[in-house]
Structures are given as C-alpha cells and as structure tokens.
PDB file of N, CA and C in Angstrom:
ATOM      1  N   UNK A   1       0.917  -1.697  -0.481  1.00  0.00           N
ATOM      2  CA  UNK A   1      -0.019   0.186  -0.173  1.00  0.00           C
ATOM      3  C   UNK A   1       0.546   0.892  -0.033  1.00  0.00           C
ATOM      4  N   UNK A   2       0.952   2.207  -1.028  1.00  0.00           N
ATOM      5  CA  UNK A   2       1.585   3.323  -1.227  1.00  0.00           C
ATOM      6  C   UNK A   2       0.988   4.735  -0.786  1.00  0.00           C
ATOM      7  N   UNK A   3       0.871   5.560   0.122  1.00  0.00           N
ATOM      8  CA  UNK A   3       0.203   6.570   0.150  1.00  0.00           C
ATOM      9  C   UNK A   3       0.825   7.678  -0.671  1.00  0.00           C
ATOM     10  N   UNK A   4      -0.494   8.046  -1.017  1.00  0.00           N
ATOM     11  CA  UNK A   4       0.082   9.409  -2.266  1.00  0.00           C
ATOM     12  C   UNK A   4      -0.530  10.400  -2.301  1.00  0.00           C
ATOM     13  N   UNK A   5      -0.440  11.781  -2.270  1.00  0.00           N
ATOM     14  CA  UNK A   5      -1.423  12.650  -2.263  1.00  0.00           C
ATOM     15  C   UNK A   5      -1.632  13.346  -3.243  1.00  0.00           C
ATOM     16  N   UNK A   6      -3.081  13.394  -3.487  1.00  0.00           N
ATOM     17  CA  UNK A   6      -3.656  14.284  -4.494  1.00  0.00           C
ATOM     18  C   UNK A   6      -2.829  15.279  -5.067  1.00  0.00           C
ATOM     19  N   UNK A   7      -2.277  15.817  -5.911  1.00  0.00           N
ATOM     20  CA  UNK A   7      -1.862  16.914  -5.598  1.00  0.00           C
ATOM     21  C   UNK A   7      -2.561  18.226  -6.564  1.00  0.00           C
ATOM     22  N   UNK A   8      -3.987  17.963  -6.189  1.00  0.00           N
ATOM     23  CA  UNK A   8      -5.259  19.204  -6.812  1.00  0.00           C
ATOM     24  C   UNK A   8      -6.010  19.675  -5.504  1.00  0.00           C
ATOM     25  N   UNK A   9      -6.050  18.472  -4.724  1.00  0.00           N
ATOM     26  CA  UNK A   9      -7.185  19.252  -3.726  1.00  0.00           C
ATOM     27  C   UNK A   9      -5.898  18.479  -2.460  1.00  0.00           C
ATOM     28  N   UNK A  10      -4.748  18.238  -2.428  1.00  0.00           N
ATOM     29  CA  UNK A  10      -3.846  17.394  -1.002  1.00  0.00           C
ATOM     30  C   UNK A  10      -4.224  16.035  -0.051  1.00  0.00           C
ATOM     31  N   UNK A  11      -5.063  15.542  -0.607  1.00  0.00           N
ATOM     32  CA  UNK A  11      -6.453  13.876  -0.269  1.00  0.00           C
ATOM     33  C   UNK A  11      -4.965  13.092  -0.141  1.00  0.00           C
ATOM     34  N   UNK A  12      -5.048  12.472   1.095  1.00  0.00           N
ATOM     35  CA  UNK A  12      -3.895  11.354   0.648  1.00  0.00           C
ATOM     36  C   UNK A  12      -4.510  10.325   0.707  1.00  0.00           C
ATOM     37  N   UNK A  13      -4.528   9.528  -0.057  1.00  0.00           N
ATOM     38  CA  UNK A  13      -4.813   8.090  -1.314  1.00  0.00           C
ATOM     39  C   UNK A  13      -3.956   7.314  -0.949  1.00  0.00           C
ATOM     40  N   UNK A  14      -4.079   6.317  -1.643  1.00  0.00           N
ATOM     41  CA  UNK A  14      -3.927   4.752  -1.639  1.00  0.00           C
ATOM     42  C   UNK A  14      -3.230   4.729  -3.489  1.00  0.00           C
ATOM     43  N   UNK A  15      -2.165   4.640  -4.079  1.00  0.00           N
ATOM     44  CA  UNK A  15      -1.670   4.222  -5.238  1.00  0.00           C
ATOM     45  C   UNK A  15      -2.328   3.843  -6.274  1.00  0.00           C
ATOM     46  N   UNK A  16      -2.369   2.161  -5.083  1.00  0.00           N
ATOM     47  CA  UNK A  16      -3.126   1.098  -5.321  1.00  0.00           C
ATOM     48  C   UNK A  16      -3.985   0.764  -5.656  1.00  0.00           C
ATOM     49  N   UNK A  17      -5.177   1.480  -5.182  1.00  0.00           N
ATOM     50  CA  UNK A  17      -6.472   1.256  -5.624  1.00  0.00           C
ATOM     51  C   UNK A  17      -7.228   2.555  -6.214  1.00  0.00           C
ATOM     52  N   UNK A  18      -6.792   3.510  -6.186  1.00  0.00           N
ATOM     53  CA  UNK A  18      -7.056   5.265  -6.858  1.00  0.00           C
ATOM     54  C   UNK A  18      -7.581   5.053  -8.379  1.00  0.00           C
ATOM     55  N   UNK A  19      -8.883   5.130  -8.862  1.00  0.00           N
ATOM     56  CA  UNK A  19      -9.160   4.989  -9.847  1.00  0.00           C
ATOM     57  C   UNK A  19      -8.743   5.919 -10.974  1.00  0.00           C
ATOM     58  N   UNK A  20      -8.421   7.737 -10.359  1.00  0.00           N
ATOM     59  CA  UNK A  20      -8.195   8.190 -11.582  1.00  0.00           C
ATOM     60  C   UNK A  20      -6.661   8.366 -11.375  1.00  0.00           C
ATOM     61  N   UNK A  21      -6.272   8.479 -12.852  1.00  0.00           N
ATOM     62  CA  UNK A  21      -4.243   8.853 -12.353  1.00  0.00           C
ATOM     63  C   UNK A  21      -4.182   9.259 -13.940  1.00  0.00           C
ATOM     64  N   UNK A  22      -2.478  10.304 -13.984  1.00  0.00           N
ATOM     65  CA  UNK A  22      -2.256  10.627 -14.855  1.00  0.00           C
ATOM     66  C   UNK A  22      -0.909  10.968 -15.198  1.00  0.00           C
ATOM     67  N   UNK A  23      -0.391  11.031 -16.066  1.00  0.00           N
ATOM     68  CA  UNK A  23       1.010  10.450 -16.315  1.00  0.00           C
ATOM     69  C   UNK A  23       1.442  12.367 -16.951  1.00  0.00           C
ATOM     70  N   UNK A  24       2.479  12.550 -16.164  1.00  0.00           N
ATOM     71  CA  UNK A  24       3.290  13.942 -16.544  1.00  0.00           C
ATOM     72  C   UNK A  24       4.437  14.034 -16.253  1.00  0.00           C
ATOM     73  N   UNK A  25       5.304  14.524 -17.810  1.00  0.00           N
ATOM     74  CA  UNK A  25       6.683  14.183 -17.728  1.00  0.00           C
ATOM     75  C   UNK A  25       7.169  13.153 -17.062  1.00  0.00           C
ATOM     76  N   UNK A  26       6.384  11.893 -17.534  1.00  0.00           N
ATOM     77  CA  UNK A  26       7.490  10.443 -17.119  1.00  0.00           C
ATOM     78  C   UNK A  26       6.863   9.972 -15.377  1.00  0.00           C
ATOM     79  N   UNK A  27       5.701  11.195 -15.219  1.00  0.00           N
ATOM     80  CA  UNK A  27       5.600  10.514 -13.471  1.00  0.00           C
ATOM     81  C   UNK A  27       4.264  10.603 -13.305  1.00  0.00           C
ATOM     82  N   UNK A  28       3.899   9.550 -12.668  1.00  0.00           N
ATOM     83  CA  UNK A  28       2.131   9.028 -12.553  1.00  0.00           C
ATOM     84  C   UNK A  28       1.751  10.074 -11.503  1.00  0.00           C
ATOM     85  N   UNK A  29       0.182  10.562 -11.693  1.00  0.00           N
ATOM     86  CA  UNK A  29      -0.175  11.517 -10.477  1.00  0.00           C
ATOM     87  C   UNK A  29      -1.587  10.590 -10.058  1.00  0.00           C
ATOM     88  N   UNK A  30      -1.904  10.766  -9.037  1.00  0.00           N
ATOM     89  CA  UNK A  30      -3.018   9.733  -8.531  1.00  0.00           C
ATOM     90  C   UNK A  30      -4.086  10.850  -8.187  1.00  0.00           C
ATOM     91  N   UNK A  31      -5.215  10.555  -8.218  1.00  0.00           N
ATOM     92  CA  UNK A  31      -6.728  11.636  -8.112  1.00  0.00           C
ATOM     93  C   UNK A  31      -7.358  10.685  -6.552  1.00  0.00           C
ATOM     94  N   UNK A  32      -8.226  11.512  -6.351  1.00  0.00           N
ATOM     95  CA  UNK A  32      -9.464  11.050  -5.408  1.00  0.00           C
ATOM     96  C   UNK A  32     -11.040  11.297  -6.255  1.00  0.00           C
ATOM     97  N   UNK A  33     -10.928  11.565  -7.405  1.00  0.00           N
ATOM     98  CA  UNK A  33     -11.621  12.112  -7.797  1.00  0.00           C
ATOM     99  C   UNK A  33     -11.686  12.570  -9.558  1.00  0.00           C
ATOM    100  N   UNK A  34     -13.294  12.445  -9.994  1.00  0.00           N
ATOM    101  CA  UNK A  34     -12.608  12.440 -11.637  1.00  0.00           C
ATOM    102  C   UNK A  34     -12.633  14.390 -11.835  1.00  0.00           C
ATOM    103  N   UNK A  35     -13.366  14.726 -10.901  1.00  0.00           N
ATOM    104  CA  UNK A  35     -12.743  16.206 -10.889  1.00  0.00           C
ATOM    105  C   UNK A  35     -11.752  17.279 -10.429  1.00  0.00           C
ATOM    106  N   UNK A  36     -10.466  15.798  -9.498  1.00  0.00           N
ATOM    107  CA  UNK A  36      -9.080  15.995  -9.770  1.00  0.00           C
ATOM    108  C   UNK A  36      -8.625  16.136 -10.714  1.00  0.00           C
ATOM    109  N   UNK A  37      -8.377  14.982 -11.496  1.00  0.00           N
ATOM    110  CA  UNK A  37      -8.048  14.678 -12.158  1.00  0.00           C
ATOM    111  C   UNK A  37      -8.045  15.988 -13.926  1.00  0.00           C
ATOM    112  N   UNK A  38      -9.731  16.051 -14.177  1.00  0.00           N
ATOM    113  CA  UNK A  38      -9.561  16.967 -15.074  1.00  0.00           C
ATOM    114  C   UNK A  38      -9.043  18.517 -14.548  1.00  0.00           C
ATOM    115  N   UNK A  39      -8.739  18.757 -13.243  1.00  0.00           N
ATOM    116  CA  UNK A  39      -8.167  20.229 -12.963  1.00  0.00           C
ATOM    117  C   UNK A  39      -6.801  19.705 -12.924  1.00  0.00           C
ATOM    118  N   UNK A  40      -6.092  18.468 -12.994  1.00  0.00           N
ATOM    119  CA  UNK A  40      -4.748  18.227 -13.039  1.00  0.00           C
ATOM    120  C   UNK A  40      -3.974  18.483 -14.690  1.00  0.00           C
ATOM    121  N   UNK A  41      -5.525  17.731 -15.702  1.00  0.00           N
ATOM    122  CA  UNK A  41      -5.322  17.636 -17.192  1.00  0.00           C
ATOM    123  C   UNK A  41      -4.900  18.960 -17.817  1.00  0.00           C
ATOM    124  N   UNK A  42      -6.213  19.861 -17.388  1.00  0.00           N
ATOM    125  CA  UNK A  42      -5.874  20.994 -17.411  1.00  0.00           C
ATOM    126  C   UNK A  42      -4.523  21.550 -17.395  1.00  0.00           C
ATOM    127  N   UNK A  43      -4.248  22.042 -16.326  1.00  0.00           N
ATOM    128  CA  UNK A  43      -2.938  22.459 -16.235  1.00  0.00           C
ATOM    129  C   UNK A  43      -2.399  21.804 -15.134  1.00  0.00           C
ATOM    130  N   UNK A  44      -1.455  20.837 -15.721  1.00  0.00           N
ATOM    131  CA  UNK A  44      -0.609  20.184 -15.212  1.00  0.00           C
ATOM    132  C   UNK A  44       0.501  21.301 -14.820  1.00  0.00           C
ATOM    133  N   UNK A  45       0.916  21.575 -15.263  1.00  0.00           N
ATOM    134  CA  UNK A  45       2.513  22.613 -14.625  1.00  0.00           C
ATOM    135  C   UNK A  45       1.955  22.906 -13.264  1.00  0.00           C
ATOM    136  N   UNK A  46       0.687  23.684 -13.244  1.00  0.00           N
ATOM    137  CA  UNK A  46       0.659  24.375 -11.984  1.00  0.00           C
ATOM    138  C   UNK A  46       0.400  23.048 -10.855  1.00  0.00           C
ATOM    139  N   UNK A  47      -0.100  21.716 -10.749  1.00  0.00           N
ATOM    140  CA  UNK A  47       0.040  21.189  -9.633  1.00  0.00           C
ATOM    141  C   UNK A  47       1.065  20.217  -9.878  1.00  0.00           C
ATOM    142  N   UNK A  48       1.689  19.837 -11.250  1.00  0.00           N
ATOM    143  CA  UNK A  48       3.132  18.919 -10.399  1.00  0.00           C
ATOM    144  C   UNK A  48       3.913  19.819 -10.400  1.00  0.00           C
ATOM    145  N   UNK A  49       4.250  20.799 -10.377  1.00  0.00           N
ATOM    146  CA  UNK A  49       5.505  21.854  -9.956  1.00  0.00           C
ATOM    147  C   UNK A  49       5.087  22.925  -8.939  1.00  0.00           C
ATOM    148  N   UNK A  50       4.234  22.652  -8.140  1.00  0.00           N
ATOM    149  CA  UNK A  50       3.956  23.858  -7.473  1.00  0.00           C
ATOM    150  C   UNK A  50       5.150  25.036  -7.041  1.00  0.00           C
ATOM    151  N   UNK A  51       4.963  26.448  -7.452  1.00  0.00           N
ATOM    152  CA  UNK A  51       5.594  26.760  -6.633  1.00  0.00           C
ATOM    153  C   UNK A  51       5.276  27.616  -5.441  1.00  0.00           C
ATOM    154  N   UNK A  52       7.185  28.005  -4.601  1.00  0.00           N
ATOM    155  CA  UNK A  52       6.797  27.860  -2.909  1.00  0.00           C
ATOM    156  C   UNK A  52       6.501  28.363  -2.878  1.00  0.00           C
ATOM    157  N   UNK A  53       5.797  29.573  -3.542  1.00  0.00           N
ATOM    158  CA  UNK A  53       5.189  30.974  -2.926  1.00  0.00           C
ATOM    159  C   UNK A  53       3.107  30.584  -2.536  1.00  0.00           C
ATOM    160  N   UNK A  54       2.881  29.714  -3.361  1.00  0.00           N
ATOM    161  CA  UNK A  54       1.420  29.237  -3.388  1.00  0.00           C
ATOM    162  C   UNK A  54       1.141  28.303  -2.050  1.00  0.00           C
ATOM    163  N   UNK A  55       2.177  27.301  -1.386  1.00  0.00           N
ATOM    164  CA  UNK A  55       1.437  26.808   0.046  1.00  0.00           C
ATOM    165  C   UNK A  55       1.199  27.861   1.286  1.00  0.00           C
ATOM    166  N   UNK A  56       1.710  28.793   0.851  1.00  0.00           N
ATOM    167  CA  UNK A  56       2.207  30.131   1.878  1.00  0.00           C
ATOM    168  C   UNK A  56      -0.015  30.192   2.207  1.00  0.00           C
ATOM    169  N   UNK A  57      -0.381  30.269   0.568  1.00  0.00           N
ATOM    170  CA  UNK A  57      -1.872  30.404   0.722  1.00  0.00           C
ATOM    171  C   UNK A  57      -2.774  29.435   1.200  1.00  0.00           C
ATOM    172  N   UNK A  58      -2.197  28.630   1.738  1.00  0.00           N
ATOM    173  CA  UNK A  58      -2.957  27.682   1.662  1.00  0.00           C
ATOM    174  C   UNK A  58      -3.708  27.557   2.969  1.00  0.00           C
ATOM    175  N   UNK A  59      -2.965  28.156   3.617  1.00  0.00           N
ATOM    176  CA  UNK A  59      -2.827  27.855   5.113  1.00  0.00           C
ATOM    177  C   UNK A  59      -3.636  28.850   6.052  1.00  0.00           C
ATOM    178  N   UNK A  60      -4.243  28.098   7.487  1.00  0.00           N
ATOM    179  CA  UNK A  60      -6.114  28.911   7.852  1.00  0.00           C
ATOM    180  C   UNK A  60      -4.966  29.051   9.240  1.00  0.00           C
ATOM    181  N   UNK A  61      -5.237  29.660   9.704  1.00  0.00           N
ATOM    182  CA  UNK A  61      -4.546  30.573  11.067  1.00  0.00           C
ATOM    183  C   UNK A  61      -5.763  30.627  11.882  1.00  0.00           C
TER     184      UNK A  61
END
C-alpha cells in the first residue's frame, strides 16, 4: 500500500486503489475524484510543480 497525495486537493490516497491517474513528464499522479484529475489535466504544470509561495496561501490561522 503506497500513500500518495492528490496534487490538486491534497487528500492522501492509496496509489494502488486510486481510480483516477494521469501521466505527466514521466511521473504518475493519482487523484481521489474525477474532478481533481480533470483540473490536473487542464493545467498539469500548476499542480506537478507548485511554486513555493503557493503553499503560503493555503494555510488557515
């Protein structure tokens, strides 16, 4: 069982049972739902290589 993070929503899922996946630049990305896969497929670079400063906007204080 391999735990991976959905690059779109951040949910932790099992790569062996994930129903949705995409290939980008030789790497496989796994998704929890079809909507996350669709978002990734539209803008794979946004999710595959997030900028460091994007992480600062996701925190809730």
